[in-house]
Each structure stands twice: as C-alpha cells, then as structure tokens.
PDB file of N, CA and C in Angstrom:
ATOM      1  N   MET A   1      77.807-117.130 169.546  1.00  0.00           N
ATOM      2  CA  MET A   1      77.515-116.091 168.508  1.00  0.00           C
ATOM      3  C   MET A   1      76.388-115.202 169.046  1.00  0.00           C
ATOM      4  N   MET A   2      75.495-115.789 169.721  1.00  0.00           N
ATOM      5  CA  MET A   2      74.408-114.854 170.279  1.00  0.00           C
ATOM      6  C   MET A   2      74.907-114.040 171.407  1.00  0.00           C
ATOM      7  N   GLY A   3      75.769-114.516 172.197  1.00  0.00           N
ATOM      8  CA  GLY A   3      76.356-113.669 173.286  1.00  0.00           C
ATOM      9  C   GLY A   3      77.138-112.573 172.703  1.00  0.00           C
ATOM     10  N   VAL A   4      77.889-112.737 171.612  1.00  0.00           N
ATOM     11  CA  VAL A   4      78.769-111.719 171.052  1.00  0.00           C
ATOM     12  C   VAL A   4      77.758-110.666 170.391  1.00  0.00           C
ATOM     13  N   GLY A   5      76.713-111.180 169.783  1.00  0.00           N
ATOM     14  CA  GLY A   5      75.659-110.272 169.214  1.00  0.00           C
ATOM     15  C   GLY A   5      74.976-109.441 170.315  1.00  0.00           C
ATOM     16  N   GLY A   6      74.708-110.126 171.494  1.00  0.00           N
ATOM     17  CA  GLY A   6      74.132-109.392 172.590  1.00  0.00           C
ATOM     18  C   GLY A   6      75.036-108.355 173.173  1.00  0.00           C
ATOM     19  N   CYS A   7      76.353-108.657 173.258  1.00  0.00           N
ATOM     20  CA  CYS A   7      77.311-107.704 173.762  1.00  0.00           C
ATOM     21  C   CYS A   7      77.386-106.527 172.856  1.00  0.00           C
ATOM     22  N   TRP A   8      77.423-106.843 171.466  1.00  0.00           N
ATOM     23  CA  TRP A   8      77.513-105.773 170.511  1.00  0.00           C
ATOM     24  C   TRP A   8      76.345-104.910 170.575  1.00  0.00           C
ATOM     25  N   PHE A   9      75.142-105.465 170.643  1.00  0.00           N
ATOM     26  CA  PHE A   9      73.846-104.720 170.709  1.00  0.00           C
ATOM     27  C   PHE A   9      73.863-103.849 172.038  1.00  0.00           C
ATOM     28  N   SER A  10      74.378-104.402 173.048  1.00  0.00           N
ATOM     29  CA  SER A  10      74.397-103.757 174.394  1.00  0.00           C
ATOM     30  C   SER A  10      75.326-102.489 174.267  1.00  0.00           C
ATOM     31  N   GLN A  11      76.501-102.705 173.575  1.00  0.00           N
ATOM     32  CA  GLN A  11      77.367-101.586 173.409  1.00  0.00           C
ATOM     33  C   GLN A  11      76.883-100.413 172.690  1.00  0.00           C
ATOM     34  N   VAL A  12      76.235-100.903 171.550  1.00  0.00           N
ATOM     35  CA  VAL A  12      75.503 -99.861 170.613  1.00  0.00           C
ATOM     36  C   VAL A  12      74.426 -99.136 171.453  1.00  0.00           C
ATOM     37  N   GLN A  13      73.634 -99.763 172.182  1.00  0.00           N
ATOM     38  CA  GLN A  13      72.629 -99.143 172.958  1.00  0.00           C
ATOM     39  C   GLN A  13      73.218 -98.268 174.061  1.00  0.00           C
ATOM     40  N   ASN A  14      74.328 -98.739 174.645  1.00  0.00           N
ATOM     41  CA  ASN A  14      74.948 -97.834 175.640  1.00  0.00           C
ATOM     42  C   ASN A  14      75.555 -96.589 175.043  1.00  0.00           C
ATOM     43  N   LYS A  15      76.152 -96.688 173.832  1.00  0.00           N
ATOM     44  CA  LYS A  15      76.809 -95.541 173.245  1.00  0.00           C
ATOM     45  C   LYS A  15      75.598 -94.653 172.782  1.00  0.00           C
ATOM     46  N   ALA A  16      74.517 -95.199 172.331  1.00  0.00           N
ATOM     47  CA  ALA A  16      73.438 -94.334 171.878  1.00  0.00           C
ATOM     48  C   ALA A  16      72.792 -93.531 173.063  1.00  0.00           C
ATOM     49  N   SER A  17      72.658 -94.240 174.139  1.00  0.00           N
ATOM     50  CA  SER A  17      72.113 -93.570 175.359  1.00  0.00           C
ATOM     51  C   SER A  17      73.046 -92.526 175.938  1.00  0.00           C
ATOM     52  N   LYS A  18      74.405 -92.709 175.816  1.00  0.00           N
ATOM     53  CA  LYS A  18      75.311 -91.763 176.279  1.00  0.00           C
ATOM     54  C   LYS A  18      75.214 -90.479 175.424  1.00  0.00           C
ATOM     55  N   VAL A  19      75.151 -90.719 174.082  1.00  0.00           N
ATOM     56  CA  VAL A  19      74.935 -89.626 173.162  1.00  0.00           C
ATOM     57  C   VAL A  19      73.644 -88.867 173.437  1.00  0.00           C
ATOM     58  N   HIS A  20      72.567 -89.645 173.699  1.00  0.00           N
ATOM     59  CA  HIS A  20      71.284 -88.996 173.970  1.00  0.00           C
ATOM     60  C   HIS A  20      71.363 -88.240 175.293  1.00  0.00           C
ATOM     61  N   ILE A  21      72.009 -88.750 176.376  1.00  0.00           N
ATOM     62  CA  ILE A  21      72.084 -88.130 177.577  1.00  0.00           C
ATOM     63  C   ILE A  21      72.929 -86.717 177.428  1.00  0.00           C
ATOM     64  N   SER A  22      74.055 -86.831 176.593  1.00  0.00           N
ATOM     65  CA  SER A  22      74.842 -85.747 176.326  1.00  0.00           C
ATOM     66  C   SER A  22      74.046 -84.616 175.707  1.00  0.00           C
ATOM     67  N   LYS A  23      73.248 -85.037 174.702  1.00  0.00           N
ATOM     68  CA  LYS A  23      72.469 -83.972 173.957  1.00  0.00           C
ATOM     69  C   LYS A  23      71.460 -83.428 174.999  1.00  0.00           C
ATOM     70  N   MET A  24      70.802 -84.206 175.829  1.00  0.00           N
ATOM     71  CA  MET A  24      69.819 -83.739 176.745  1.00  0.00           C
ATOM     72  C   MET A  24      70.474 -82.799 177.700  1.00  0.00           C
ATOM     73  N   MET A  25      71.775 -82.995 178.123  1.00  0.00           N
ATOM     74  CA  MET A  25      72.488 -82.149 179.093  1.00  0.00           C
ATOM     75  C   MET A  25      72.748 -80.769 178.442  1.00  0.00           C
ATOM     76  N   LYS A  26      73.228 -80.877 177.152  1.00  0.00           N
ATOM     77  CA  LYS A  26      73.455 -79.568 176.337  1.00  0.00           C
ATOM     78  C   LYS A  26      72.100 -78.776 176.251  1.00  0.00           C
ATOM     79  N   ASP A  27      70.959 -79.459 175.973  1.00  0.00           N
ATOM     80  CA  ASP A  27      69.644 -78.918 175.854  1.00  0.00           C
ATOM     81  C   ASP A  27      69.280 -78.283 177.147  1.00  0.00           C
ATOM     82  N   LEU A  28      69.478 -78.945 178.340  1.00  0.00           N
ATOM     83  CA  LEU A  28      69.247 -78.448 179.598  1.00  0.00           C
ATOM     84  C   LEU A  28      70.015 -77.257 179.902  1.00  0.00           C
ATOM     85  N   GLU A  29      71.393 -77.244 179.606  1.00  0.00           N
ATOM     86  CA  GLU A  29      72.142 -76.061 179.800  1.00  0.00           C
ATOM     87  C   GLU A  29      71.706 -74.892 179.001  1.00  0.00           C
ATOM     88  N   SER A  30      71.337 -75.104 177.802  1.00  0.00           N
ATOM     89  CA  SER A  30      70.667 -74.118 176.890  1.00  0.00           C
ATOM     90  C   SER A  30      69.491 -73.522 177.506  1.00  0.00           C
ATOM     91  N   LEU A  31      68.558 -74.425 177.973  1.00  0.00           N
ATOM     92  CA  LEU A  31      67.346 -73.940 178.661  1.00  0.00           C
ATOM     93  C   LEU A  31      67.625 -73.104 179.924  1.00  0.00           C
ATOM     94  N   GLN A  32      68.556 -73.455 180.720  1.00  0.00           N
ATOM     95  CA  GLN A  32      68.964 -72.714 181.885  1.00  0.00           C
ATOM     96  C   GLN A  32      69.410 -71.387 181.443  1.00  0.00           C
ATOM     97  N   SER A  33      70.249 -71.362 180.388  1.00  0.00           N
ATOM     98  CA  SER A  33      70.778 -70.080 179.940  1.00  0.00           C
ATOM     99  C   SER A  33      69.682 -69.129 179.388  1.00  0.00           C
ATOM    100  N   ALA A  34      68.732 -69.780 178.741  1.00  0.00           N
ATOM    101  CA  ALA A  34      67.570 -68.995 178.210  1.00  0.00           C
ATOM    102  C   ALA A  34      66.732 -68.404 179.406  1.00  0.00           C
ATOM    103  N   GLU A  35      66.539 -69.198 180.469  1.00  0.00           N
ATOM    104  CA  GLU A  35      65.751 -68.794 181.548  1.00  0.00           C
ATOM    105  C   GLU A  35      66.525 -67.647 182.370  1.00  0.00           C
ATOM    106  N   LEU A  36      67.843 -67.738 182.428  1.00  0.00           N
ATOM    107  CA  LEU A  36      68.608 -66.717 183.037  1.00  0.00           C
ATOM    108  C   LEU A  36      68.501 -65.381 182.161  1.00  0.00           C
ATOM    109  N   SER A  37      68.634 -65.535 180.894  1.00  0.00           N
ATOM    110  CA  SER A  37      68.426 -64.247 180.039  1.00  0.00           C
ATOM    111  C   SER A  37      66.965 -63.784 180.191  1.00  0.00           C
ATOM    112  N   LEU A  38      65.980 -64.603 180.234  1.00  0.00           N
ATOM    113  CA  LEU A  38      64.664 -64.124 180.440  1.00  0.00           C
ATOM    114  C   LEU A  38      64.492 -63.412 181.734  1.00  0.00           C
ATOM    115  N   ARG A  39      65.019 -63.938 182.793  1.00  0.00           N
ATOM    116  CA  ARG A  39      65.039 -63.109 184.121  1.00  0.00           C
ATOM    117  C   ARG A  39      65.712 -61.799 183.988  1.00  0.00           C
ATOM    118  N   GLU A  40      66.825 -61.814 183.377  1.00  0.00           N
ATOM    119  CA  GLU A  40      67.553 -60.467 183.160  1.00  0.00           C
ATOM    120  C   GLU A  40      66.750 -59.538 182.459  1.00  0.00           C
ATOM    121  N   LEU A  41      66.139 -60.000 181.320  1.00  0.00           N
ATOM    122  CA  LEU A  41      65.344 -59.127 180.486  1.00  0.00           C
ATOM    123  C   LEU A  41      64.094 -58.640 181.186  1.00  0.00           C
ATOM    124  N   GLN A  42      63.502 -59.474 182.057  1.00  0.00           N
ATOM    125  CA  GLN A  42      62.300 -59.101 182.885  1.00  0.00           C
ATOM    126  C   GLN A  42      62.673 -57.941 183.816  1.00  0.00           C
ATOM    127  N   GLU A  43      63.888 -58.135 184.438  1.00  0.00           N
ATOM    128  CA  GLU A  43      64.391 -57.130 185.410  1.00  0.00           C
ATOM    129  C   GLU A  43      64.592 -55.778 184.737  1.00  0.00           C
ATOM    130  N   GLN A  44      65.216 -55.831 183.557  1.00  0.00           N
ATOM    131  CA  GLN A  44      65.477 -54.715 182.709  1.00  0.00           C
ATOM    132  C   GLN A  44      64.125 -54.019 182.298  1.00  0.00           C
ATOM    133  N   LEU A  45      63.205 -54.858 182.003  1.00  0.00           N
ATOM    134  CA  LEU A  45      61.848 -54.322 181.644  1.00  0.00           C
ATOM    135  C   LEU A  45      61.211 -53.657 182.814  1.00  0.00           C
ATOM    136  N   GLU A  46      61.300 -54.194 183.934  1.00  0.00           N
ATOM    137  CA  GLU A  46      60.726 -53.629 185.220  1.00  0.00           C
ATOM    138  C   GLU A  46      61.396 -52.327 185.561  1.00  0.00           C
ATOM    139  N   GLN A  47      62.764 -52.261 185.435  1.00  0.00           N
ATOM    140  CA  GLN A  47      63.522 -51.086 185.596  1.00  0.00           C
ATOM    141  C   GLN A  47      63.166 -49.986 184.623  1.00  0.00           C
ATOM    142  N   ALA A  48      62.906 -50.304 183.359  1.00  0.00           N
ATOM    143  CA  ALA A  48      62.530 -49.435 182.325  1.00  0.00           C
ATOM    144  C   ALA A  48      61.121 -48.820 182.678  1.00  0.00           C
ATOM    145  N   GLN A  49      60.231 -49.695 183.047  1.00  0.00           N
ATOM    146  CA  GLN A  49      58.814 -49.242 183.457  1.00  0.00           C
ATOM    147  C   GLN A  49      58.874 -48.340 184.636  1.00  0.00           C
ATOM    148  N   GLU A  50      59.753 -48.645 185.547  1.00  0.00           N
ATOM    149  CA  GLU A  50      59.788 -47.730 186.752  1.00  0.00           C
ATOM    150  C   GLU A  50      60.420 -46.421 186.345  1.00  0.00           C
ATOM    151  N   GLU A  51      61.377 -46.329 185.485  1.00  0.00           N
ATOM    152  CA  GLU A  51      61.989 -45.134 185.011  1.00  0.00           C
ATOM    153  C   GLU A  51      60.852 -44.384 184.224  1.00  0.00           C
ATOM    154  N   LYS A  52      60.150 -45.056 183.388  1.00  0.00           N
ATOM    155  CA  LYS A  52      59.051 -44.404 182.615  1.00  0.00           C
ATOM    156  C   LYS A  52      58.043 -43.809 183.600  1.00  0.00           C
ATOM    157  N   ARG A  53      57.678 -44.452 184.639  1.00  0.00           N
ATOM    158  CA  ARG A  53      56.689 -43.969 185.690  1.00  0.00           C
ATOM    159  C   ARG A  53      57.293 -42.687 186.282  1.00  0.00           C
ATOM    160  N   ASN A  54      58.582 -42.792 186.658  1.00  0.00           N
ATOM    161  CA  ASN A  54      59.310 -41.618 187.331  1.00  0.00           C
ATOM    162  C   ASN A  54      59.246 -40.409 186.358  1.00  0.00           C
ATOM    163  N   VAL A  55      59.571 -40.672 185.170  1.00  0.00           N
ATOM    164  CA  VAL A  55      59.718 -39.615 184.141  1.00  0.00           C
ATOM    165  C   VAL A  55      58.259 -38.990 184.025  1.00  0.00           C
ATOM    166  N   ALA A  56      57.334 -39.802 183.829  1.00  0.00           N
ATOM    167  CA  ALA A  56      55.940 -39.295 183.617  1.00  0.00           C
ATOM    168  C   ALA A  56      55.490 -38.463 184.931  1.00  0.00           C
ATOM    169  N   GLU A  57      55.809 -38.972 186.153  1.00  0.00           N
ATOM    170  CA  GLU A  57      55.444 -38.187 187.344  1.00  0.00           C
ATOM    171  C   GLU A  57      56.308 -36.894 187.428  1.00  0.00           C
ATOM    172  N   GLU A  58      57.518 -36.848 186.982  1.00  0.00           N
ATOM    173  CA  GLU A  58      58.381 -35.712 186.986  1.00  0.00           C
ATOM    174  C   GLU A  58      57.720 -34.736 186.024  1.00  0.00           C
ATOM    175  N   LYS A  59      57.381 -35.209 184.760  1.00  0.00           N
ATOM    176  CA  LYS A  59      56.784 -34.386 183.794  1.00  0.00           C
ATOM    177  C   LYS A  59      55.617 -33.684 184.382  1.00  0.00           C
ATOM    178  N   GLN A  60      54.706 -34.508 184.985  1.00  0.00           N
ATOM    179  CA  GLN A  60      53.422 -33.884 185.440  1.00  0.00           C
ATOM    180  C   GLN A  60      53.698 -32.877 186.560  1.00  0.00           C
ATOM    181  N   ASN A  61      54.687 -33.157 187.417  1.00  0.00           N
ATOM    182  CA  ASN A  61      54.980 -32.145 188.361  1.00  0.00           C
ATOM    183  C   ASN A  61      55.535 -30.848 187.823  1.00  0.00           C
ATOM    184  N   LEU A  62      56.341 -30.969 186.748  1.00  0.00           N
ATOM    185  CA  LEU A  62      56.873 -29.786 186.046  1.00  0.00           C
ATOM    186  C   LEU A  62      55.715 -29.040 185.336  1.00  0.00           C
ATOM    187  N   GLU A  63      54.904 -29.739 184.766  1.00  0.00           N
ATOM    188  CA  GLU A  63      53.700 -29.079 184.181  1.00  0.00           C
ATOM    189  C   GLU A  63      52.872 -28.309 185.140  1.00  0.00           C
ATOM    190  N   GLU A  64      52.663 -28.848 186.297  1.00  0.00           N
ATOM    191  CA  GLU A  64      51.911 -28.280 187.372  1.00  0.00           C
ATOM    192  C   GLU A  64      52.674 -26.985 187.751  1.00  0.00           C
ATOM    193  N   LYS A  65      53.897 -27.113 188.011  1.00  0.00           N
ATOM    194  CA  LYS A  65      54.780 -25.976 188.404  1.00  0.00           C
ATOM    195  C   LYS A  65      54.713 -24.838 187.415  1.00  0.00           C
ATOM    196  N   MET A  66      54.790 -25.206 186.090  1.00  0.00           N
ATOM    197  CA  MET A  66      54.775 -24.256 185.002  1.00  0.00           C
ATOM    198  C   MET A  66      53.356 -23.536 185.008  1.00  0.00           C
ATOM    199  N   ARG A  67      52.292 -24.265 185.180  1.00  0.00           N
ATOM    200  CA  ARG A  67      51.036 -23.713 185.212  1.00  0.00           C
ATOM    201  C   ARG A  67      50.879 -22.682 186.352  1.00  0.00           C
ATOM    202  N   ASP A  68      51.412 -23.075 187.455  1.00  0.00           N
ATOM    203  CA  ASP A  68      51.334 -22.206 188.609  1.00  0.00           C
ATOM    204  C   ASP A  68      52.175 -20.928 188.432  1.00  0.00           C
ATOM    205  N   GLU A  69      53.356 -21.100 187.834  1.00  0.00           N
ATOM    206  CA  GLU A  69      54.203 -19.899 187.471  1.00  0.00           C
ATOM    207  C   GLU A  69      53.445 -18.995 186.431  1.00  0.00           C
ATOM    208  N   ILE A  70      52.761 -19.628 185.409  1.00  0.00           N
ATOM    209  CA  ILE A  70      51.993 -18.872 184.356  1.00  0.00           C
ATOM    210  C   ILE A  70      50.935 -18.164 185.078  1.00  0.00           C
ATOM    211  N   MET A  71      50.140 -18.747 185.995  1.00  0.00           N
ATOM    212  CA  MET A  71      49.132 -18.175 186.673  1.00  0.00           C
ATOM    213  C   MET A  71      49.589 -16.962 187.468  1.00  0.00           C
ATOM    214  N   GLY A  72      50.660 -17.225 188.150  1.00  0.00           N
ATOM    215  CA  GLY A  72      51.311 -16.209 189.005  1.00  0.00           C
ATOM    216  C   GLY A  72      51.710 -14.928 188.120  1.00  0.00           C
ATOM    217  N   ALA A  73      52.343 -15.186 186.994  1.00  0.00           N
ATOM    218  CA  ALA A  73      52.737 -14.179 186.121  1.00  0.00           C
ATOM    219  C   ALA A  73      51.588 -13.427 185.568  1.00  0.00           C
ATOM    220  N   GLN A  74      50.503 -14.141 185.256  1.00  0.00           N
ATOM    221  CA  GLN A  74      49.242 -13.421 184.785  1.00  0.00           C
ATOM    222  C   GLN A  74      48.651 -12.593 185.874  1.00  0.00           C
ATOM    223  N   GLU A  75      48.712 -13.149 186.979  1.00  0.00           N
ATOM    224  CA  GLU A  75      48.024 -12.257 188.083  1.00  0.00           C
ATOM    225  C   GLU A  75      48.938 -10.987 188.367  1.00  0.00           C
ATOM    226  N   GLU A  76      50.237 -11.214 188.277  1.00  0.00           N
ATOM    227  CA  GLU A  76      51.102 -10.105 188.473  1.00  0.00           C
ATOM    228  C   GLU A  76      50.966  -9.057 187.395  1.00  0.00           C
ATOM    229  N   ALA A  77      50.792  -9.543 186.075  1.00  0.00           N
ATOM    230  CA  ALA A  77      50.595  -8.630 184.992  1.00  0.00           C
ATOM    231  C   ALA A  77      49.241  -7.858 185.133  1.00  0.00           C
ATOM    232  N   HIS A  78      48.274  -8.591 185.558  1.00  0.00           N
ATOM    233  CA  HIS A  78      46.889  -7.957 185.831  1.00  0.00           C
ATOM    234  C   HIS A  78      47.039  -6.896 186.955  1.00  0.00           C
ATOM    235  N   ARG A  79      47.798  -7.189 188.004  1.00  0.00           N
ATOM    236  CA  ARG A  79      47.976  -6.181 189.131  1.00  0.00           C
ATOM    237  C   ARG A  79      48.709  -5.006 188.610  1.00  0.00           C
ATOM    238  N   LEU A  80      49.824  -5.266 187.797  1.00  0.00           N
ATOM    239  CA  LEU A  80      50.603  -4.059 187.310  1.00  0.00           C
ATOM    240  C   LEU A  80      49.722  -3.304 186.429  1.00  0.00           C
ATOM    241  N   HIS A  81      48.919  -3.908 185.590  1.00  0.00           N
ATOM    242  CA  HIS A  81      47.999  -3.209 184.624  1.00  0.00           C
ATOM    243  C   HIS A  81      47.111  -2.287 185.443  1.00  0.00           C
ATOM    244  N   GLN A  82      46.509  -2.800 186.503  1.00  0.00           N
ATOM    245  CA  GLN A  82      45.637  -2.010 187.356  1.00  0.00           C
ATOM    246  C   GLN A  82      46.384  -0.830 188.061  1.00  0.00           C
ATOM    247  N   LEU A  83      47.532  -1.052 188.501  1.00  0.00           N
ATOM    248  CA  LEU A  83      48.371   0.036 189.105  1.00  0.00           C
ATOM    249  C   LEU A  83      48.690   1.072 188.035  1.00  0.00           C
ATOM    250  N   ARG A  84      48.978   0.603 186.764  1.00  0.00           N
ATOM    251  CA  ARG A  84      49.260   1.614 185.818  1.00  0.00           C
ATOM    252  C   ARG A  84      48.049   2.409 185.409  1.00  0.00           C
ATOM    253  N   ALA A  85      46.896   1.760 185.335  1.00  0.00           N
ATOM    254  CA  ALA A  85      45.646   2.515 185.137  1.00  0.00           C
ATOM    255  C   ALA A  85      45.452   3.482 186.161  1.00  0.00           C
ATOM    256  N   GLY A  86      45.653   3.098 187.428  1.00  0.00           N
ATOM    257  CA  GLY A  86      45.441   3.991 188.522  1.00  0.00           C
ATOM    258  C   GLY A  86      46.451   5.191 188.502  1.00  0.00           C
ATOM    259  N   ALA A  87      47.706   4.856 188.103  1.00  0.00           N
ATOM    260  CA  ALA A  87      48.665   5.864 188.032  1.00  0.00           C
ATOM    261  C   ALA A  87      48.368   6.902 186.967  1.00  0.00           C
ATOM    262  N   VAL A  88      47.866   6.444 185.821  1.00  0.00           N
ATOM    263  CA  VAL A  88      47.520   7.315 184.812  1.00  0.00           C
ATOM    264  C   VAL A  88      46.383   8.208 185.183  1.00  0.00           C
ATOM    265  N   SER A  89      45.414   7.594 185.910  1.00  0.00           N
ATOM    266  CA  SER A  89      44.261   8.339 186.409  1.00  0.00           C
ATOM    267  C   SER A  89      44.709   9.370 187.400  1.00  0.00           C
ATOM    268  N   GLN A  90      45.546   9.050 188.241  1.00  0.00           N
ATOM    269  CA  GLN A  90      46.141  10.025 189.190  1.00  0.00           C
ATOM    270  C   GLN A  90      46.889  11.066 188.579  1.00  0.00           C
ATOM    271  N   LEU A  91      47.684  10.678 187.535  1.00  0.00           N
ATOM    272  CA  LEU A  91      48.419  11.749 186.824  1.00  0.00           C
ATOM    273  C   LEU A  91      47.478  12.790 186.134  1.00  0.00           C
ATOM    274  N   SER A  92      46.414  12.294 185.559  1.00  0.00           N
ATOM    275  CA  SER A  92      45.464  13.110 184.920  1.00  0.00           C
ATOM    276  C   SER A  92      44.866  14.148 185.918  1.00  0.00           C
ATOM    277  N   ARG A  93      44.472  13.594 187.157  1.00  0.00           N
ATOM    278  CA  ARG A  93      43.948  14.516 188.214  1.00  0.00           C
ATOM    279  C   ARG A  93      44.953  15.454 188.638  1.00  0.00           C
ATOM    280  N   LEU A  94      46.206  15.043 188.685  1.00  0.00           N
ATOM    281  CA  LEU A  94      47.372  16.025 189.163  1.00  0.00           C
ATOM    282  C   LEU A  94      47.531  17.089 188.144  1.00  0.00           C
ATOM    283  N   ARG A  95      47.482  16.748 186.847  1.00  0.00           N
ATOM    284  CA  ARG A  95      47.531  17.769 185.851  1.00  0.00           C
ATOM    285  C   ARG A  95      46.323  18.738 185.814  1.00  0.00           C
ATOM    286  N   TYR A  96      45.162  18.116 186.044  1.00  0.00           N
ATOM    287  CA  TYR A  96      43.980  18.901 186.192  1.00  0.00           C
ATOM    288  C   TYR A  96      44.143  19.919 187.364  1.00  0.00           C
ATOM    289  N   ALA A  97      44.635  19.399 188.475  1.00  0.00           N
ATOM    290  CA  ALA A  97      44.780  20.264 189.627  1.00  0.00           C
ATOM    291  C   ALA A  97      45.847  21.308 189.390  1.00  0.00           C
ATOM    292  N   GLU A  98      46.891  21.013 188.625  1.00  0.00           N
ATOM    293  CA  GLU A  98      47.914  21.950 188.303  1.00  0.00           C
ATOM    294  C   GLU A  98      47.370  23.084 187.410  1.00  0.00           C
ATOM    295  N   GLU A  99      46.497  22.720 186.427  1.00  0.00           N
ATOM    296  CA  GLU A  99      45.894  23.623 185.616  1.00  0.00           C
ATOM    297  C   GLU A  99      44.962  24.625 186.456  1.00  0.00           C
ATOM    298  N   GLU A 100      44.325  24.010 187.336  1.00  0.00           N
ATOM    299  CA  GLU A 100      43.339  24.858 188.204  1.00  0.00           C
ATOM    300  C   GLU A 100      44.294  25.761 189.015  1.00  0.00           C
ATOM    301  N   LEU A 101      45.367  25.387 189.579  1.00  0.00           N
ATOM    302  CA  LEU A 101      46.217  26.192 190.347  1.00  0.00           C
ATOM    303  C   LEU A 101      46.813  27.365 189.528  1.00  0.00           C
ATOM    304  N   GLU A 102      47.124  27.000 188.212  1.00  0.00           N
ATOM    305  CA  GLU A 102      47.728  28.000 187.329  1.00  0.00           C
ATOM    306  C   GLU A 102      46.684  29.015 187.038  1.00  0.00           C
ATOM    307  N   GLN A 103      45.389  28.603 186.841  1.00  0.00           N
ATOM    308  CA  GLN A 103      44.307  29.583 186.545  1.00  0.00           C
ATOM    309  C   GLN A 103      44.030  30.322 187.786  1.00  0.00           C
ATOM    310  N   VAL A 104      44.186  29.819 188.969  1.00  0.00           N
ATOM    311  CA  VAL A 104      43.907  30.640 190.152  1.00  0.00           C
ATOM    312  C   VAL A 104      45.089  31.537 190.281  1.00  0.00           C
ATOM    313  N   ASP A 105      46.320  31.187 190.015  1.00  0.00           N
ATOM    314  CA  ASP A 105      47.391  32.128 190.236  1.00  0.00           C
ATOM    315  C   ASP A 105      47.281  33.210 189.134  1.00  0.00           C
ATOM    316  N   TYR A 106      46.837  32.821 188.001  1.00  0.00           N
ATOM    317  CA  TYR A 106      46.707  33.775 186.932  1.00  0.00           C
ATOM    318  C   TYR A 106      45.593  34.823 187.232  1.00  0.00           C
ATOM    319  N   LEU A 107      44.567  34.407 187.876  1.00  0.00           N
ATOM    320  CA  LEU A 107      43.468  35.286 188.131  1.00  0.00           C
ATOM    321  C   LEU A 107      43.895  36.220 189.336  1.00  0.00           C
ATOM    322  N   THR A 108      44.711  35.877 190.179  1.00  0.00           N
ATOM    323  CA  THR A 108      45.087  36.698 191.256  1.00  0.00           C
ATOM    324  C   THR A 108      46.280  37.462 190.968  1.00  0.00           C
TER     325      THR A 108
END
C-alpha cells in the first residue's frame, strides 16, 4: 500500500513539475519576446533622436542662410538707395547746368 501511495505521490509530483517547467518555458519565451521588442524600440528611439538632431541641424543651417540672404538684401537695398540719392543729386546739378546754359544762350 505504501509503495502504491509512493508511486502515486511520485506521479503527482512529476506531473506538477512538468506543468511548472512548461509554465516557466512560456514565461521565458515571453521574456525573450519582450527583450526583443525592447531592443527594437530602443533602435527606433535612437533613429528618431538622430533624425531629430539632423532636422535641428538643417533648421539651423537654413536659418543662417536666411540671415545671410537678408543681410545681403539689406546691403543691396542700402547701396541702391545711395545710388538713387547720388543720381537725384546729379540730376539736380544737370538741371541747374541746363538752366545756366539757357540763361547764357538767352543773354547772347
């Protein structure tokens, strides 16, 4: 009777340990899957951070280029304004010289 009881107890323990091992294997597979997902997410995060750095650098370069273009346009506008002022001044002198010539012609 004790031998039958021992065999039965042994089989129950064996079945319980197999169930426990099976559950542990499933948990291990789940853990491995989670680790793989974590690695993939970390890679995606690194790629996103790299893209963000690239975009920020490109933005800064574009801002510098725009500032340079604005400065160039302002300098060109200033130069053209000075040329216009000089042309207006020269036009005034030419009109004045014409008037003097007309007066000289009128007197002679």
